[in-house]
Amino acid sequence: MYRYYLNIGTNLGDRKANLKHAIEALSEGAQRVEISEMIKSAPWGFTSPHEFLNVGVALYSPLSPQCMLSHLQGIERALGSENHRDSSGAYIDRLIDIDIMAIEDSKGQPLVISTPELTVPHPHLHDRPFFLTPYLELKGPDATNQ
């Protein structure tokens, strides 16, 4: 069993409904789901008039990290968010974006993964307040040990 710390962001359409639908999809098959407070943020890495709404999610799942990544990408596609970058590689507005911030194994030990498809902990976890604030809320008192 793994504990996944995820961040869900949206800056298009009905943002609260987008988050709700993503959380519902994530909850299917999960053993337990915890949700942080929502946080508003300006776009990171690109300019847009559309403000993001983000939420952190901690969920317990038996899925391996690679299977979870595939599952999350499937949820993004199902909710209408195909691409997070334009043809030049620049970030763009999106209906939904689900990132894996961190993963713990069944003993609560943090995993470190570095593959072309997945890097954990997320390389920008500590650079992005809209990641770090929900993560610390979900992590609780143990957060100072990370």
Protein backbone atom coordinates (compact mmCIF):
# COMPACT_ATOMS: atom_id res chain seq x y z
CA MET A 1 0.00 0.00 0.00
CA TYR A 2 1.29 3.43 -0.94
CA ARG A 3 0.34 6.87 0.32
CA TYR A 4 0.30 9.29 -2.60
CA TYR A 5 0.42 13.03 -2.14
CA LEU A 6 -1.17 14.61 -5.20
CA ASN A 7 -1.86 18.15 -6.32
CA ILE A 8 -4.82 18.88 -8.56
CA GLY A 9 -4.93 22.20 -10.37
CA THR A 10 -7.40 23.80 -12.77
CA ASN A 11 -7.69 27.24 -14.34
CA LEU A 12 -10.42 26.81 -16.95
CA GLY A 13 -14.18 26.34 -16.79
CA ASP A 14 -15.97 25.62 -13.52
CA ARG A 15 -12.85 25.12 -11.43
CA LYS A 16 -14.62 23.82 -8.32
CA ALA A 17 -16.57 21.29 -10.40
CA ASN A 18 -13.34 20.25 -12.17
CA LEU A 19 -11.70 19.56 -8.80
CA LYS A 20 -14.79 17.71 -7.55
CA HIS A 21 -14.85 15.44 -10.60
CA ALA A 22 -11.12 14.72 -10.32
CA ILE A 23 -11.41 13.89 -6.60
CA GLU A 24 -14.37 11.59 -7.29
CA ALA A 25 -12.38 9.77 -9.98
CA LEU A 26 -9.36 9.48 -7.67
CA SER A 27 -11.52 8.12 -4.85
CA GLU A 28 -12.59 5.09 -6.90
CA GLY A 29 -10.40 2.21 -5.81
CA ALA A 30 -8.54 4.20 -3.15
CA GLN A 31 -8.49 2.85 0.39
CA ARG A 32 -8.62 6.29 2.01
CA VAL A 33 -8.66 9.86 0.68
CA GLU A 34 -7.75 13.07 2.50
CA ILE A 35 -8.26 16.51 0.96
CA SER A 36 -6.55 19.80 1.81
CA GLU A 37 -8.09 23.24 1.74
CA MET A 38 -8.33 24.81 -1.72
CA ILE A 39 -5.73 27.39 -2.62
CA LYS A 40 -5.75 29.99 -5.39
CA SER A 41 -2.60 30.68 -7.34
CA ALA A 42 -1.35 32.59 -10.33
CA PRO A 43 -0.20 30.49 -13.29
CA TRP A 44 3.31 29.15 -12.75
CA GLY A 45 5.74 29.15 -15.67
CA PHE A 46 3.45 31.00 -18.07
CA THR A 47 1.24 34.06 -18.33
CA SER A 48 -2.54 33.76 -18.33
CA PRO A 49 -5.47 35.82 -17.07
CA HIS A 50 -6.95 32.62 -15.61
CA GLU A 51 -6.13 32.00 -11.95
CA PHE A 52 -5.63 28.42 -10.77
CA LEU A 53 -7.54 26.68 -8.05
CA ASN A 54 -5.49 23.89 -6.43
CA VAL A 55 -6.14 21.21 -3.86
CA GLY A 56 -3.89 18.62 -2.30
CA VAL A 57 -5.03 15.02 -2.02
CA ALA A 58 -3.48 12.20 0.00
CA LEU A 59 -4.71 8.79 -0.99
CA TYR A 60 -3.86 5.24 -0.07
CA SER A 61 -3.69 2.84 -2.98
CA PRO A 62 -2.11 -0.50 -3.83
CA LEU A 63 -1.25 0.77 -7.34
CA SER A 64 2.46 0.94 -8.11
CA PRO A 65 3.83 4.43 -8.83
CA GLN A 66 4.00 3.74 -12.58
CA CYS A 67 0.42 2.41 -12.60
CA MET A 68 -0.74 5.40 -10.55
CA LEU A 69 0.88 7.79 -13.03
CA SER A 70 -0.95 6.07 -15.89
CA HIS A 71 -4.20 6.16 -13.87
CA LEU A 72 -3.81 9.90 -13.23
CA GLN A 73 -3.12 10.60 -16.90
CA GLY A 74 -6.26 8.63 -17.78
CA ILE A 75 -8.31 10.75 -15.37
CA GLU A 76 -6.90 13.93 -16.90
CA ARG A 77 -7.84 12.74 -20.40
CA ALA A 78 -11.31 11.60 -19.27
CA LEU A 79 -11.95 15.04 -17.77
CA GLY A 80 -10.92 16.76 -21.01
CA SER A 81 -7.36 17.81 -20.29
CA GLU A 82 -5.19 16.35 -23.03
CA ASN A 83 -2.12 18.57 -22.96
CA HIS A 84 -0.42 20.78 -20.39
CA ARG A 85 1.99 22.27 -22.92
CA ASP A 86 1.72 23.78 -26.38
CA SER A 87 3.66 22.62 -29.44
CA SER A 88 6.72 24.63 -28.35
CA GLY A 89 6.74 22.97 -24.91
CA ALA A 90 5.42 26.02 -23.01
CA TYR A 91 2.81 25.54 -20.27
CA ILE A 92 -0.79 26.37 -21.20
CA ASP A 93 -4.17 26.78 -19.49
CA ARG A 94 -5.86 23.49 -18.57
CA LEU A 95 -9.06 22.02 -17.24
CA ILE A 96 -7.26 19.65 -14.90
CA ASP A 97 -3.68 18.83 -13.98
CA ILE A 98 -2.85 16.09 -11.48
CA ASP A 99 0.73 15.90 -10.22
CA ILE A 100 2.33 13.38 -7.88
CA MET A 101 4.09 15.48 -5.23
CA ALA A 102 5.42 12.64 -3.06
CA ILE A 103 4.90 8.96 -2.27
CA GLU A 104 5.37 6.97 0.93
CA ASP A 105 5.64 3.19 1.14
CA SER A 106 3.60 1.03 3.53
CA LYS A 107 6.01 1.87 6.38
CA GLY A 108 5.69 5.63 5.83
CA GLN A 109 9.12 5.92 4.21
CA PRO A 110 9.40 8.42 1.35
CA LEU A 111 10.11 6.98 -2.08
CA VAL A 112 12.61 8.49 -4.49
CA ILE A 113 11.96 7.80 -8.16
CA SER A 114 13.85 9.21 -11.11
CA THR A 115 12.75 7.96 -14.50
CA PRO A 116 12.01 9.82 -17.73
CA GLU A 117 8.28 9.48 -16.97
CA LEU A 118 8.22 10.12 -13.22
CA THR A 119 10.29 12.05 -10.69
CA VAL A 120 9.37 11.76 -7.02
CA PRO A 121 9.43 13.81 -4.95
CA HIS A 122 8.20 16.33 -7.50
CA PRO A 123 11.18 18.51 -8.47
CA HIS A 124 9.20 21.70 -7.74
CA LEU A 125 7.50 20.58 -4.52
CA HIS A 126 9.33 23.16 -2.41
CA ASP A 127 9.35 25.89 -5.12
CA ARG A 128 5.60 26.16 -5.57
CA PRO A 129 3.53 27.44 -2.63
CA PHE A 130 0.39 25.95 -4.22
CA PHE A 131 2.12 22.53 -3.93
CA LEU A 132 3.88 22.98 -0.62
CA THR A 133 1.00 24.46 1.41
CA PRO A 134 -1.46 21.61 0.70
CA TYR A 135 1.32 19.02 1.04
CA LEU A 136 2.29 20.30 4.50
CA GLU A 137 -1.38 20.39 5.54
CA LEU A 138 -1.85 16.75 4.49
CA LYS A 139 1.49 15.62 5.87
CA GLY A 140 0.68 17.04 9.28
CA PRO A 141 3.15 17.13 12.19
CA ASP A 142 5.65 14.90 10.34
CA ALA A 143 6.13 17.56 7.67
CA THR A 144 9.02 19.20 9.49
CA ASN A 145 11.01 15.96 9.13
CA GLN A 146 10.92 16.05 5.30
